């Protein structure tokens, strides 16, 4: 959840808890990363702190085994029965190589209801602006997707799903001029306008 939608996240968690009190509820995202103790006060069992791909997968495995082992879990906060908040070892694990992640499951979107798509071609930002929350997640580490992978995703959106409008949701799209020009040239060659 982002701060702008955290109240709705809390309401959804409350509904889920009322339907099935045994369900494990996990929050992640910028709001949960910066204010994990607040989030744990709202029907939340676990908070994934920082980038969530690895931490969430590890957490789910431990929940399925019904045994949480904090020493073997990184980047998660939760409360013990006593009410004490536990932060597992360093929440800042190795950074996710975004080139190794599978494509976002765009096929799960009902494209008949939307005339736009989205793509995220980088993560993070190299700056430390006081007004921006991105630094809480990225710690000023910036990474971007290889041009070939971006073109593959765009091709799927434009030609596979026939989505006419694409929004780039990068926090900071232009820090590497050479990369941006290369990407724009590849999009032009593919006929993406």
C-alpha atoms as a PDB file:
ATOM      1  CA  UNK A   1       0.000   0.000   0.000  1.00  0.00           C
ATOM      2  CA  UNK A   2       0.967   3.544  -0.621  1.00  0.00           C
ATOM      3  CA  UNK A   3      -0.001   6.201   1.908  1.00  0.00           C
ATOM      4  CA  UNK A   4      -2.729   7.419  -0.441  1.00  0.00           C
ATOM      5  CA  UNK A   5      -4.545   4.070  -0.282  1.00  0.00           C
ATOM      6  CA  UNK A   6      -3.566   2.708   3.140  1.00  0.00           C
ATOM      7  CA  UNK A   7      -6.970   3.521   4.722  1.00  0.00           C
ATOM      8  CA  UNK A   8      -8.673   1.372   2.096  1.00  0.00           C
ATOM      9  CA  UNK A   9      -6.116  -1.363   2.711  1.00  0.00           C
ATOM     10  CA  UNK A  10      -6.994  -1.283   6.408  1.00  0.00           C
ATOM     11  CA  UNK A  11     -10.720  -1.541   5.598  1.00  0.00           C
ATOM     12  CA  UNK A  12     -10.116  -4.508   3.285  1.00  0.00           C
ATOM     13  CA  UNK A  13      -7.997  -6.231   5.952  1.00  0.00           C
ATOM     14  CA  UNK A  14     -10.767  -5.719   8.504  1.00  0.00           C
ATOM     15  CA  UNK A  15     -13.344  -7.298   6.165  1.00  0.00           C
ATOM     16  CA  UNK A  16     -11.036 -10.253   5.475  1.00  0.00           C
ATOM     17  CA  UNK A  17     -10.408 -10.736   9.210  1.00  0.00           C
ATOM     18  CA  UNK A  18     -14.164 -10.669   9.912  1.00  0.00           C
ATOM     19  CA  UNK A  19     -14.780 -13.366   7.294  1.00  0.00           C
ATOM     20  CA  UNK A  20     -11.874 -15.607   8.317  1.00  0.00           C
ATOM     21  CA  UNK A  21     -10.003 -14.704  11.528  1.00  0.00           C
ATOM     22  CA  UNK A  22      -7.299 -17.298  10.751  1.00  0.00           C
ATOM     23  CA  UNK A  23      -6.265 -15.738   7.436  1.00  0.00           C
ATOM     24  CA  UNK A  24      -2.736 -14.338   7.477  1.00  0.00           C
ATOM     25  CA  UNK A  25      -2.728 -10.724   6.320  1.00  0.00           C
ATOM     26  CA  UNK A  26       0.481  -9.247   4.912  1.00  0.00           C
ATOM     27  CA  UNK A  27       1.074  -5.629   3.947  1.00  0.00           C
ATOM     28  CA  UNK A  28       3.925  -4.265   1.889  1.00  0.00           C
ATOM     29  CA  UNK A  29       4.789  -1.144  -0.052  1.00  0.00           C
ATOM     30  CA  UNK A  30       6.036   2.278   0.825  1.00  0.00           C
ATOM     31  CA  UNK A  31       3.633   2.986   3.708  1.00  0.00           C
ATOM     32  CA  UNK A  32       4.262  -0.370   5.348  1.00  0.00           C
ATOM     33  CA  UNK A  33       8.024   0.026   4.853  1.00  0.00           C
ATOM     34  CA  UNK A  34       8.165   3.431   6.502  1.00  0.00           C
ATOM     35  CA  UNK A  35       5.559   2.830   9.244  1.00  0.00           C
ATOM     36  CA  UNK A  36       5.478  -0.918   9.985  1.00  0.00           C
ATOM     37  CA  UNK A  37       4.331  -0.567  13.595  1.00  0.00           C
ATOM     38  CA  UNK A  38       1.337   1.546  12.580  1.00  0.00           C
ATOM     39  CA  UNK A  39       0.390  -1.025   9.937  1.00  0.00           C
ATOM     40  CA  UNK A  40       0.659  -3.867  12.471  1.00  0.00           C
ATOM     41  CA  UNK A  41      -1.994  -2.066  14.543  1.00  0.00           C
ATOM     42  CA  UNK A  42      -4.565  -2.649  11.780  1.00  0.00           C
ATOM     43  CA  UNK A  43      -5.498  -6.322  11.336  1.00  0.00           C
ATOM     44  CA  UNK A  44      -2.097  -7.055   9.871  1.00  0.00           C
ATOM     45  CA  UNK A  45      -0.014 -10.102  10.784  1.00  0.00           C
ATOM     46  CA  UNK A  46       3.166  -9.325   8.830  1.00  0.00           C
ATOM     47  CA  UNK A  47       4.772  -6.380   7.098  1.00  0.00           C
ATOM     48  CA  UNK A  48       7.229  -6.865   4.268  1.00  0.00           C
ATOM     49  CA  UNK A  49       9.803  -4.079   4.521  1.00  0.00           C
ATOM     50  CA  UNK A  50      11.501  -2.810   1.356  1.00  0.00           C
ATOM     51  CA  UNK A  51      11.445  -4.696  -1.916  1.00  0.00           C
ATOM     52  CA  UNK A  52       9.174  -7.633  -1.403  1.00  0.00           C
ATOM     53  CA  UNK A  53       9.858 -10.334  -3.967  1.00  0.00           C
ATOM     54  CA  UNK A  54      12.289 -12.423  -1.913  1.00  0.00           C
ATOM     55  CA  UNK A  55      11.008 -11.579   1.561  1.00  0.00           C
ATOM     56  CA  UNK A  56       7.386 -12.329   0.680  1.00  0.00           C
ATOM     57  CA  UNK A  57       8.271 -15.669  -0.902  1.00  0.00           C
ATOM     58  CA  UNK A  58      10.282 -16.680   2.178  1.00  0.00           C
ATOM     59  CA  UNK A  59       7.479 -15.537   4.485  1.00  0.00           C
ATOM     60  CA  UNK A  60       4.835 -17.535   2.607  1.00  0.00           C
ATOM     61  CA  UNK A  61       6.999 -20.670   2.812  1.00  0.00           C
ATOM     62  CA  UNK A  62       7.317 -20.268   6.579  1.00  0.00           C
ATOM     63  CA  UNK A  63       3.610 -19.556   7.040  1.00  0.00           C
ATOM     64  CA  UNK A  64       2.778 -22.717   5.082  1.00  0.00           C
ATOM     65  CA  UNK A  65       5.091 -24.701   7.369  1.00  0.00           C
ATOM     66  CA  UNK A  66       3.338 -23.006  10.322  1.00  0.00           C
ATOM     67  CA  UNK A  67       6.671 -22.060  11.819  1.00  0.00           C
ATOM     68  CA  UNK A  68       8.128 -18.578  11.633  1.00  0.00           C
ATOM     69  CA  UNK A  69      11.904 -18.623  12.007  1.00  0.00           C
ATOM     70  CA  UNK A  70      13.063 -14.996  12.304  1.00  0.00           C
ATOM     71  CA  UNK A  71      16.697 -16.025  11.930  1.00  0.00           C
ATOM     72  CA  UNK A  72      15.865 -17.426   8.466  1.00  0.00           C
ATOM     73  CA  UNK A  73      13.635 -14.564   7.397  1.00  0.00           C
ATOM     74  CA  UNK A  74      14.759 -11.146   6.231  1.00  0.00           C
ATOM     75  CA  UNK A  75      12.817  -7.981   5.589  1.00  0.00           C
ATOM     76  CA  UNK A  76       9.723  -8.781   7.664  1.00  0.00           C
ATOM     77  CA  UNK A  77       8.174  -7.219  10.768  1.00  0.00           C
ATOM     78  CA  UNK A  78       5.524  -8.835  12.957  1.00  0.00           C
ATOM     79  CA  UNK A  79       4.260  -8.877  16.520  1.00  0.00           C
ATOM     80  CA  UNK A  80       4.735 -11.646  19.023  1.00  0.00           C
ATOM     81  CA  UNK A  81       1.803 -12.678  21.207  1.00  0.00           C
ATOM     82  CA  UNK A  82       3.220 -10.419  23.921  1.00  0.00           C
ATOM     83  CA  UNK A  83       2.767  -7.433  21.606  1.00  0.00           C
ATOM     84  CA  UNK A  84       6.480  -6.890  21.052  1.00  0.00           C
ATOM     85  CA  UNK A  85       7.352  -5.948  17.473  1.00  0.00           C
ATOM     86  CA  UNK A  86       9.972  -8.190  15.910  1.00  0.00           C
ATOM     87  CA  UNK A  87      12.071  -7.074  12.974  1.00  0.00           C
ATOM     88  CA  UNK A  88      13.752  -9.989  11.273  1.00  0.00           C
ATOM     89  CA  UNK A  89      17.404  -9.633  10.353  1.00  0.00           C
ATOM     90  CA  UNK A  90      18.373  -6.795   8.094  1.00  0.00           C
ATOM     91  CA  UNK A  91      15.446  -5.837   5.916  1.00  0.00           C
ATOM     92  CA  UNK A  92      17.830  -4.756   3.195  1.00  0.00           C
ATOM     93  CA  UNK A  93      18.729  -7.906   1.366  1.00  0.00           C
ATOM     94  CA  UNK A  94      20.425  -8.170  -2.001  1.00  0.00           C
ATOM     95  CA  UNK A  95      18.692  -5.944  -4.508  1.00  0.00           C
ATOM     96  CA  UNK A  96      16.317  -7.635  -6.907  1.00  0.00           C
ATOM     97  CA  UNK A  97      17.704  -7.978 -10.415  1.00  0.00           C
ATOM     98  CA  UNK A  98      14.685  -6.674 -12.286  1.00  0.00           C
ATOM     99  CA  UNK A  99      15.943  -8.306 -15.479  1.00  0.00           C
ATOM    100  CA  UNK A 100      15.427 -11.721 -13.891  1.00  0.00           C
ATOM    101  CA  UNK A 101      11.843 -11.117 -12.786  1.00  0.00           C
ATOM    102  CA  UNK A 102       9.084 -12.647 -14.902  1.00  0.00           C
ATOM    103  CA  UNK A 103       6.874 -10.328 -16.899  1.00  0.00           C
ATOM    104  CA  UNK A 104       4.043  -8.767 -14.947  1.00  0.00           C
ATOM    105  CA  UNK A 105       0.930 -10.961 -15.451  1.00  0.00           C
ATOM    106  CA  UNK A 106      -0.797  -8.463 -17.728  1.00  0.00           C
ATOM    107  CA  UNK A 107      -3.039 -11.232 -19.023  1.00  0.00           C
ATOM    108  CA  UNK A 108      -4.884 -11.117 -15.687  1.00  0.00           C
ATOM    109  CA  UNK A 109      -6.197  -7.644 -16.573  1.00  0.00           C
ATOM    110  CA  UNK A 110      -9.566  -7.395 -18.249  1.00  0.00           C
ATOM    111  CA  UNK A 111      -8.408  -5.303 -21.204  1.00  0.00           C
ATOM    112  CA  UNK A 112     -12.001  -4.716 -22.299  1.00  0.00           C
ATOM    113  CA  UNK A 113     -12.385  -2.383 -19.299  1.00  0.00           C
ATOM    114  CA  UNK A 114      -9.209  -0.357 -19.780  1.00  0.00           C
ATOM    115  CA  UNK A 115      -7.683   1.465 -22.730  1.00  0.00           C
ATOM    116  CA  UNK A 116      -4.313   1.919 -21.087  1.00  0.00           C
ATOM    117  CA  UNK A 117      -1.467  -0.238 -19.889  1.00  0.00           C
ATOM    118  CA  UNK A 118       1.523   0.375 -17.717  1.00  0.00           C
ATOM    119  CA  UNK A 119       5.123  -0.663 -17.568  1.00  0.00           C
ATOM    120  CA  UNK A 120       7.865  -0.226 -15.011  1.00  0.00           C
ATOM    121  CA  UNK A 121      11.289  -0.218 -16.661  1.00  0.00           C
ATOM    122  CA  UNK A 122      13.424   0.763 -13.676  1.00  0.00           C
ATOM    123  CA  UNK A 123      13.468   0.849  -9.909  1.00  0.00           C
ATOM    124  CA  UNK A 124      14.760   3.365  -7.485  1.00  0.00           C
ATOM    125  CA  UNK A 125      16.291   6.774  -7.753  1.00  0.00           C
ATOM    126  CA  UNK A 126      19.865   7.908  -7.153  1.00  0.00           C
ATOM    127  CA  UNK A 127      18.808  11.059  -5.294  1.00  0.00           C
ATOM    128  CA  UNK A 128      17.884  11.710  -1.673  1.00  0.00           C
ATOM    129  CA  UNK A 129      15.094  14.278  -1.953  1.00  0.00           C
ATOM    130  CA  UNK A 130      13.535  14.898   1.436  1.00  0.00           C
ATOM    131  CA  UNK A 131       9.991  15.136   0.014  1.00  0.00           C
ATOM    132  CA  UNK A 132      10.095  11.775  -1.780  1.00  0.00           C
ATOM    133  CA  UNK A 133       9.350   8.402  -0.224  1.00  0.00           C
ATOM    134  CA  UNK A 134      11.230   6.383  -2.860  1.00  0.00           C
ATOM    135  CA  UNK A 135      14.445   6.675  -0.882  1.00  0.00           C
ATOM    136  CA  UNK A 136      12.889   4.580   1.914  1.00  0.00           C
ATOM    137  CA  UNK A 137      12.604   1.607  -0.430  1.00  0.00           C
ATOM    138  CA  UNK A 138      15.480   2.063  -2.861  1.00  0.00           C
ATOM    139  CA  UNK A 139      18.119   3.534  -0.514  1.00  0.00           C
ATOM    140  CA  UNK A 140      19.280   5.556  -3.550  1.00  0.00           C
ATOM    141  CA  UNK A 141      20.003   2.413  -5.565  1.00  0.00           C
ATOM    142  CA  UNK A 142      18.869   2.757  -9.177  1.00  0.00           C
ATOM    143  CA  UNK A 143      18.471  -0.159 -11.599  1.00  0.00           C
ATOM    144  CA  UNK A 144      16.874  -0.451 -14.996  1.00  0.00           C
ATOM    145  CA  UNK A 145      15.566  -3.154 -17.255  1.00  0.00           C
ATOM    146  CA  UNK A 146      17.467  -4.096 -20.400  1.00  0.00           C
ATOM    147  CA  UNK A 147      16.079  -2.564 -23.566  1.00  0.00           C
ATOM    148  CA  UNK A 148      15.264  -6.001 -25.044  1.00  0.00           C
ATOM    149  CA  UNK A 149      13.103  -6.896 -22.055  1.00  0.00           C
ATOM    150  CA  UNK A 150      11.271  -3.553 -22.171  1.00  0.00           C
ATOM    151  CA  UNK A 151      10.560  -4.041 -25.880  1.00  0.00           C
ATOM    152  CA  UNK A 152       9.310  -7.586 -25.211  1.00  0.00           C
ATOM    153  CA  UNK A 153       6.830  -6.281 -22.622  1.00  0.00           C
ATOM    154  CA  UNK A 154       5.739  -3.390 -24.815  1.00  0.00           C
ATOM    155  CA  UNK A 155       5.233  -5.781 -27.720  1.00  0.00           C
ATOM    156  CA  UNK A 156       3.016  -7.973 -25.555  1.00  0.00           C
ATOM    157  CA  UNK A 157       0.966  -4.965 -24.413  1.00  0.00           C
ATOM    158  CA  UNK A 158       0.663  -3.306 -27.819  1.00  0.00           C
ATOM    159  CA  UNK A 159       0.443  -6.288 -30.175  1.00  0.00           C
ATOM    160  CA  UNK A 160      -0.638  -9.095 -27.856  1.00  0.00           C
ATOM    161  CA  UNK A 161      -3.247  -7.322 -25.743  1.00  0.00           C
ATOM    162  CA  UNK A 162      -3.949  -4.488 -28.229  1.00  0.00           C
ATOM    163  CA  UNK A 163      -3.581  -1.792 -25.574  1.00  0.00           C
ATOM    164  CA  UNK A 164      -3.358   1.597 -27.321  1.00  0.00           C
ATOM    165  CA  UNK A 165      -1.929   3.715 -24.487  1.00  0.00           C
ATOM    166  CA  UNK A 166       1.050   2.813 -22.299  1.00  0.00           C
ATOM    167  CA  UNK A 167       2.179   4.701 -19.199  1.00  0.00           C
ATOM    168  CA  UNK A 168       5.736   4.385 -17.931  1.00  0.00           C
ATOM    169  CA  UNK A 169       5.554   4.254 -14.121  1.00  0.00           C
ATOM    170  CA  UNK A 170       9.263   4.596 -13.411  1.00  0.00           C
ATOM    171  CA  UNK A 171      10.114   6.787 -10.437  1.00  0.00           C
ATOM    172  CA  UNK A 172      12.920   8.331 -12.443  1.00  0.00           C
ATOM    173  CA  UNK A 173      12.962   7.507 -16.151  1.00  0.00           C
ATOM    174  CA  UNK A 174      15.751   9.707 -17.503  1.00  0.00           C
ATOM    175  CA  UNK A 175      18.954   9.458 -15.425  1.00  0.00           C
ATOM    176  CA  UNK A 176      20.818   7.570 -18.135  1.00  0.00           C
ATOM    177  CA  UNK A 177      20.531   9.548 -21.370  1.00  0.00           C
ATOM    178  CA  UNK A 178      22.143   6.790 -23.473  1.00  0.00           C
ATOM    179  CA  UNK A 179      19.672   4.214 -22.153  1.00  0.00           C
ATOM    180  CA  UNK A 180      16.655   6.451 -22.858  1.00  0.00           C
ATOM    181  CA  UNK A 181      17.792   7.174 -26.422  1.00  0.00           C
ATOM    182  CA  UNK A 182      18.462   3.470 -27.026  1.00  0.00           C
ATOM    183  CA  UNK A 183      15.013   2.582 -25.712  1.00  0.00           C
ATOM    184  CA  UNK A 184      13.304   5.270 -27.782  1.00  0.00           C
ATOM    185  CA  UNK A 185      15.129   4.110 -30.927  1.00  0.00           C
ATOM    186  CA  UNK A 186      14.104   0.488 -30.263  1.00  0.00           C
ATOM    187  CA  UNK A 187      10.471   1.566 -29.786  1.00  0.00           C
ATOM    188  CA  UNK A 188      10.598   3.526 -33.035  1.00  0.00           C
ATOM    189  CA  UNK A 189      12.074   0.543 -34.903  1.00  0.00           C
ATOM    190  CA  UNK A 190       9.226  -1.643 -33.596  1.00  0.00           C
ATOM    191  CA  UNK A 191       6.641   0.927 -34.690  1.00  0.00           C
ATOM    192  CA  UNK A 192       5.467   1.782 -31.186  1.00  0.00           C
ATOM    193  CA  UNK A 193       4.205   5.343 -31.309  1.00  0.00           C
END
